[in-house]
Amino acid sequence: MLVTKFDGRKEEFQKDKIINTCIRAGVSQEIAVKIANEIESKAYNEISTKEIYQMIKKLLEKYETASAKIYTLREAIASLDPFIFEIFIKRLLESYEYICEYNKIIQGLAVEHQIDIIARNKMQELILVECKRHRNAHRFCGLDTCLQVYATLEDILDGFKNNKNNYNFKKAWIITNTKFSEHAKKYANAKDIILTGWKYPENASLEFLIQKKALYPVNILKTKKNIIEKIMQSGIIVVKELEEDKLREIGMSENIIRNLIKQKEDILSKGFE
């Protein structure tokens, strides 16, 4: 039986991949095997990986509700507006004690550049941060992004040397919600570009940094889309920022407020492991 991947390629159905995916989501080996067996029994030739992931999520919710939340987190980040994603990343970096400037125009030697985030670390070094949100959470962040970011960094540094700007960046940092291609990793390593993405690097990936600080985006909450949009429009981006008084100020009903605050308490106490 064949499986159709996101890029259209075909490969043999591999039950072990489903088991490993479920285990990474936090369920036991026993439940992972049950889920894989059930999917195998329902799968058909050339089934898409997208459909398999949807089946995995549904079964995780059936067998282990808390374990399905890692999928909710990935999907929540992917569905953030690019503008909101940048603000979310800024809040995340600030939670790790970076001092951040947001959405700055900097004159390079040749042209002006719009920079998502300027981060200053504890050693007072300036880092150019490029935020790359992909709607398709399963695509790769590729070499082209690294090339563009490094070219921007070089032009700004050339501008600094020629008194065009005051930003003497130490390095560049690309933060994305997806995985990186192998070419992107090799190039970034050669050019000393920091990469932070989904499951990369180990013990410093995007989901790791989020979960360590329990800094979850508010669209991870189970409620109507228009409620989430209203909350974000008010400037509340992460679950930790939810407060009863703030929710009343933007016109939320008491029932909705109780539901959201209860979810907030559950998330912050139990996490998304």
Protein backbone atom coordinates (compact mmCIF):
# COMPACT_ATOMS: atom_id res chain seq x y z
CA MET A 1 0.00 0.00 0.00
CA LEU A 2 1.34 3.41 -0.99
CA VAL A 3 1.11 6.78 0.75
CA THR A 4 1.03 10.12 -1.10
CA LYS A 5 3.31 12.68 0.56
CA PHE A 6 2.73 16.46 0.71
CA ASP A 7 4.97 17.04 -2.33
CA GLY A 8 3.20 14.36 -4.39
CA ARG A 9 5.83 11.65 -4.01
CA LYS A 10 4.71 8.11 -3.22
CA GLU A 11 6.20 5.80 -0.61
CA GLU A 12 5.27 2.56 1.11
CA PHE A 13 2.88 2.78 4.06
CA GLN A 14 4.99 2.46 7.22
CA LYS A 15 3.15 1.72 10.45
CA ASP A 16 6.30 2.40 12.49
CA LYS A 17 6.19 6.04 11.40
CA ILE A 18 2.70 6.42 12.84
CA ILE A 19 3.77 4.74 16.09
CA ASN A 20 6.78 7.05 16.43
CA THR A 21 4.66 10.12 15.67
CA CYS A 22 2.17 9.16 18.38
CA ILE A 23 4.93 8.49 20.92
CA ARG A 24 6.46 11.91 20.17
CA ALA A 25 3.02 13.39 20.84
CA GLY A 26 3.23 11.92 24.33
CA VAL A 27 1.17 8.71 24.35
CA SER A 28 2.34 5.33 25.55
CA GLN A 29 3.73 2.63 23.26
CA GLU A 30 0.55 0.61 23.80
CA ILE A 31 -1.77 3.43 22.69
CA ALA A 32 0.55 4.33 19.79
CA VAL A 33 0.32 0.76 18.48
CA LYS A 34 -3.49 0.77 18.84
CA ILE A 35 -3.71 3.99 16.83
CA ALA A 36 -1.36 2.67 14.15
CA ASN A 37 -3.34 -0.57 13.84
CA GLU A 38 -6.62 1.31 13.50
CA ILE A 39 -5.21 3.62 10.83
CA GLU A 40 -3.73 0.68 8.95
CA SER A 41 -7.13 -1.01 8.90
CA LYS A 42 -8.79 2.12 7.43
CA ALA A 43 -6.04 3.23 5.05
CA TYR A 44 -6.29 2.73 1.30
CA ASN A 45 -3.78 2.74 -1.52
CA GLU A 46 -2.25 6.21 -2.16
CA ILE A 47 -3.89 7.75 0.90
CA SER A 48 -2.44 11.22 1.56
CA THR A 49 -0.18 11.95 4.51
CA LYS A 50 -2.52 14.86 5.30
CA GLU A 51 -5.41 12.45 5.81
CA ILE A 52 -3.20 10.20 7.94
CA TYR A 53 -2.26 13.15 10.17
CA GLN A 54 -5.94 14.03 10.54
CA MET A 55 -6.69 10.45 11.54
CA ILE A 56 -3.82 10.51 14.05
CA LYS A 57 -5.12 13.70 15.64
CA LYS A 58 -8.66 12.35 15.91
CA LEU A 59 -7.48 9.10 17.49
CA LEU A 60 -5.13 10.89 19.88
CA GLU A 61 -8.12 12.89 21.08
CA LYS A 62 -10.03 9.63 21.49
CA TYR A 63 -7.33 7.77 23.43
CA GLU A 64 -5.42 10.53 25.18
CA THR A 65 -6.91 14.02 25.03
CA ALA A 66 -3.88 15.77 26.53
CA SER A 67 -1.51 14.17 24.04
CA ALA A 68 -3.43 15.57 21.08
CA LYS A 69 -2.56 19.08 22.20
CA ILE A 70 0.88 18.98 20.60
CA TYR A 71 -0.93 18.85 17.26
CA THR A 72 -3.20 21.67 18.33
CA LEU A 73 -0.12 23.74 19.16
CA ARG A 74 1.45 23.15 15.75
CA GLU A 75 -1.77 23.99 13.93
CA ALA A 76 -2.44 27.02 16.12
CA ILE A 77 0.95 28.53 15.28
CA ALA A 78 0.53 27.79 11.57
CA SER A 79 -2.85 29.54 11.51
CA LEU A 80 -1.55 32.74 13.11
CA ASP A 81 -1.60 35.80 10.89
CA PRO A 82 2.03 36.54 9.82
CA PHE A 83 1.85 39.89 11.64
CA ILE A 84 0.58 38.19 14.83
CA PHE A 85 3.24 35.47 14.46
CA GLU A 86 5.96 38.13 14.56
CA ILE A 87 4.48 39.66 17.72
CA PHE A 88 4.19 36.19 19.26
CA ILE A 89 7.88 35.50 18.55
CA LYS A 90 8.80 38.87 20.05
CA ARG A 91 6.94 37.96 23.26
CA LEU A 92 8.65 34.56 23.27
CA LEU A 93 12.13 36.09 22.95
CA GLU A 94 11.33 38.64 25.65
CA SER A 95 10.37 35.78 27.96
CA TYR A 96 13.98 34.59 27.52
CA GLU A 97 15.25 38.05 28.52
CA TYR A 98 16.04 39.40 25.08
CA ILE A 99 15.38 43.11 24.65
CA CYS A 100 13.47 43.46 21.38
CA GLU A 101 12.59 46.14 18.88
CA TYR A 102 9.84 45.30 16.43
CA ASN A 103 9.32 46.09 12.74
CA LYS A 104 12.24 48.44 12.08
CA ILE A 105 13.33 49.96 8.77
CA ILE A 106 17.14 50.03 8.51
CA GLN A 107 19.19 51.64 5.78
CA GLY A 108 21.77 49.30 4.30
CA LEU A 109 24.59 50.33 2.03
CA ALA A 110 22.45 49.68 -1.05
CA VAL A 111 18.78 49.73 0.04
CA GLU A 112 16.46 49.95 3.04
CA HIS A 113 15.43 46.74 4.81
CA GLN A 114 12.35 45.95 6.90
CA ILE A 115 13.51 43.89 9.90
CA ASP A 116 10.97 41.83 11.83
CA ILE A 117 12.74 41.89 15.20
CA ILE A 118 16.00 43.32 16.51
CA ALA A 119 16.98 41.28 19.58
CA ARG A 120 19.64 42.29 22.10
CA ASN A 121 21.00 39.46 24.25
CA LYS A 122 22.53 39.59 27.74
CA MET A 123 25.95 40.34 26.25
CA GLN A 124 24.42 43.38 24.51
CA GLU A 125 24.94 41.79 21.10
CA LEU A 126 22.46 42.73 18.37
CA ILE A 127 20.77 39.91 16.45
CA LEU A 128 18.74 40.35 13.27
CA VAL A 129 15.64 38.13 13.60
CA GLU A 130 13.63 36.99 10.57
CA CYS A 131 10.22 35.46 11.39
CA LYS A 132 8.94 33.02 8.78
CA ARG A 133 5.42 31.70 9.34
CA HIS A 134 4.24 29.02 6.89
CA ARG A 135 0.52 28.27 6.62
CA ASN A 136 1.35 24.71 5.66
CA ALA A 137 3.00 23.42 8.83
CA HIS A 138 4.52 20.49 6.93
CA ARG A 139 6.53 22.39 4.32
CA PHE A 140 10.24 23.13 4.70
CA CYS A 141 11.93 26.46 5.28
CA GLY A 142 14.56 26.35 2.57
CA LEU A 143 17.90 27.68 1.41
CA ASP A 144 16.29 30.69 -0.30
CA THR A 145 15.27 32.12 3.09
CA CYS A 146 18.81 31.76 4.44
CA LEU A 147 20.29 33.41 1.34
CA GLN A 148 17.90 36.35 1.58
CA VAL A 149 18.51 36.86 5.31
CA TYR A 150 22.29 36.69 4.95
CA ALA A 151 22.24 39.16 2.04
CA THR A 152 20.16 41.54 4.18
CA LEU A 153 22.59 41.16 7.09
CA GLU A 154 25.61 41.87 4.86
CA ASP A 155 24.05 45.00 3.32
CA ILE A 156 23.11 46.39 6.74
CA LEU A 157 26.62 45.69 8.10
CA ASP A 158 28.14 47.37 5.05
CA GLY A 159 25.81 50.29 5.76
CA PHE A 160 26.99 50.40 9.38
CA LYS A 161 30.62 50.53 8.27
CA ASN A 162 29.73 53.47 6.01
CA ASN A 163 27.73 55.35 8.68
CA LYS A 164 24.37 54.61 7.04
CA ASN A 165 22.90 53.08 10.23
CA ASN A 166 23.71 52.37 13.89
CA TYR A 167 23.08 48.61 13.86
CA ASN A 168 26.23 46.54 14.21
CA PHE A 169 24.59 43.12 14.15
CA LYS A 170 26.51 40.15 15.51
CA LYS A 171 24.55 37.57 13.51
CA ALA A 172 21.17 36.64 12.01
CA TRP A 173 18.47 34.36 13.43
CA ILE A 174 15.67 32.69 11.45
CA ILE A 175 12.64 31.52 13.45
CA THR A 176 9.99 29.49 11.66
CA ASN A 177 7.09 27.20 12.54
CA THR A 178 8.25 24.47 10.16
CA LYS A 179 11.26 22.25 9.65
CA PHE A 180 14.39 23.36 7.77
CA SER A 181 15.74 21.74 4.62
CA GLU A 182 19.15 20.10 4.83
CA HIS A 183 20.59 22.73 2.45
CA ALA A 184 19.29 25.48 4.74
CA LYS A 185 20.95 23.84 7.75
CA LYS A 186 24.30 23.45 5.96
CA TYR A 187 24.31 27.03 4.72
CA ALA A 188 23.26 28.43 8.10
CA ASN A 189 26.01 26.46 9.82
CA ALA A 190 28.61 27.84 7.38
CA LYS A 191 27.37 31.44 7.77
CA ASP A 192 26.74 31.27 11.54
CA ILE A 193 22.99 31.89 11.16
CA ILE A 194 20.91 30.71 14.12
CA LEU A 195 18.01 28.46 13.10
CA THR A 196 14.95 27.78 15.26
CA GLY A 197 12.13 25.72 13.78
CA TRP A 198 9.85 22.80 14.43
CA LYS A 199 11.82 20.03 16.15
CA TYR A 200 15.08 21.86 15.36
CA PRO A 201 17.51 22.16 16.97
CA GLU A 202 17.16 19.50 19.64
CA ASN A 203 16.32 20.98 23.06
CA ALA A 204 15.99 24.46 21.53
CA SER A 205 13.26 24.01 18.91
CA LEU A 206 10.29 26.35 18.63
CA GLU A 207 7.87 24.03 20.43
CA PHE A 208 10.48 23.35 23.13
CA LEU A 209 10.96 27.08 23.79
CA ILE A 210 7.20 27.64 23.87
CA GLN A 211 6.49 24.77 26.24
CA LYS A 212 9.37 25.61 28.56
CA LYS A 213 7.85 29.05 29.21
CA ALA A 214 4.22 27.89 28.80
CA LEU A 215 3.82 30.73 26.32
CA TYR A 216 0.98 29.40 24.19
CA PRO A 217 -0.86 31.47 21.56
CA VAL A 218 -4.48 32.25 22.47
CA ASN A 219 -5.82 30.57 19.32
CA ILE A 220 -4.96 27.27 20.97
CA LEU A 221 -8.08 27.72 23.10
CA LYS A 222 -11.25 25.86 22.17
CA THR A 223 -13.75 28.57 21.33
CA LYS A 224 -15.27 30.30 18.30
CA LYS A 225 -12.96 31.82 15.71
CA ASN A 226 -14.55 35.28 16.00
CA ILE A 227 -13.87 35.27 19.77
CA ILE A 228 -10.20 34.48 19.21
CA GLU A 229 -9.98 37.23 16.57
CA LYS A 230 -11.54 39.75 18.95
CA ILE A 231 -9.11 38.78 21.72
CA MET A 232 -6.09 39.12 19.43
CA GLN A 233 -7.31 42.45 18.05
CA SER A 234 -7.31 43.73 21.62
CA GLY A 235 -3.58 42.96 21.87
CA ILE A 236 -3.84 39.71 23.85
CA ILE A 237 -1.64 37.22 22.00
CA VAL A 238 -0.68 34.57 24.55
CA VAL A 239 -2.80 32.57 26.99
CA LYS A 240 -0.92 33.92 30.01
CA GLU A 241 -2.23 37.41 29.22
CA LEU A 242 -5.89 36.40 29.61
CA GLU A 243 -7.50 38.19 32.56
CA GLU A 244 -11.14 38.50 33.51
CA ASP A 245 -11.12 42.30 33.58
CA LYS A 246 -9.47 42.53 30.16
CA LEU A 247 -12.01 40.14 28.68
CA ARG A 248 -14.88 42.17 30.14
CA GLU A 249 -13.39 45.34 28.66
CA ILE A 250 -13.60 43.88 25.15
CA GLY A 251 -17.21 42.77 25.66
CA MET A 252 -16.98 39.05 26.45
CA SER A 253 -19.93 37.47 28.24
CA GLU A 254 -19.46 35.98 31.71
CA ASN A 255 -19.99 32.45 30.37
CA ILE A 256 -17.27 32.90 27.76
CA ILE A 257 -14.93 34.47 30.33
CA ARG A 258 -15.38 31.55 32.73
CA ASN A 259 -14.71 29.06 29.94
CA LEU A 260 -11.58 30.85 28.73
CA ILE A 261 -10.13 31.35 32.21
CA LYS A 262 -10.79 27.69 33.05
CA GLN A 263 -8.94 26.63 29.88
CA LYS A 264 -6.10 29.01 30.76
CA GLU A 265 -5.74 27.47 34.22
CA ASP A 266 -5.76 23.95 32.77
CA ILE A 267 -3.16 24.80 30.14
CA LEU A 268 -0.78 26.53 32.54
CA SER A 269 -1.07 23.78 35.14
CA LYS A 270 -0.94 20.75 32.83
CA GLY A 271 0.89 22.08 29.80
CA PHE A 272 0.91 20.44 26.37
CA GLU A 273 3.31 17.56 26.84
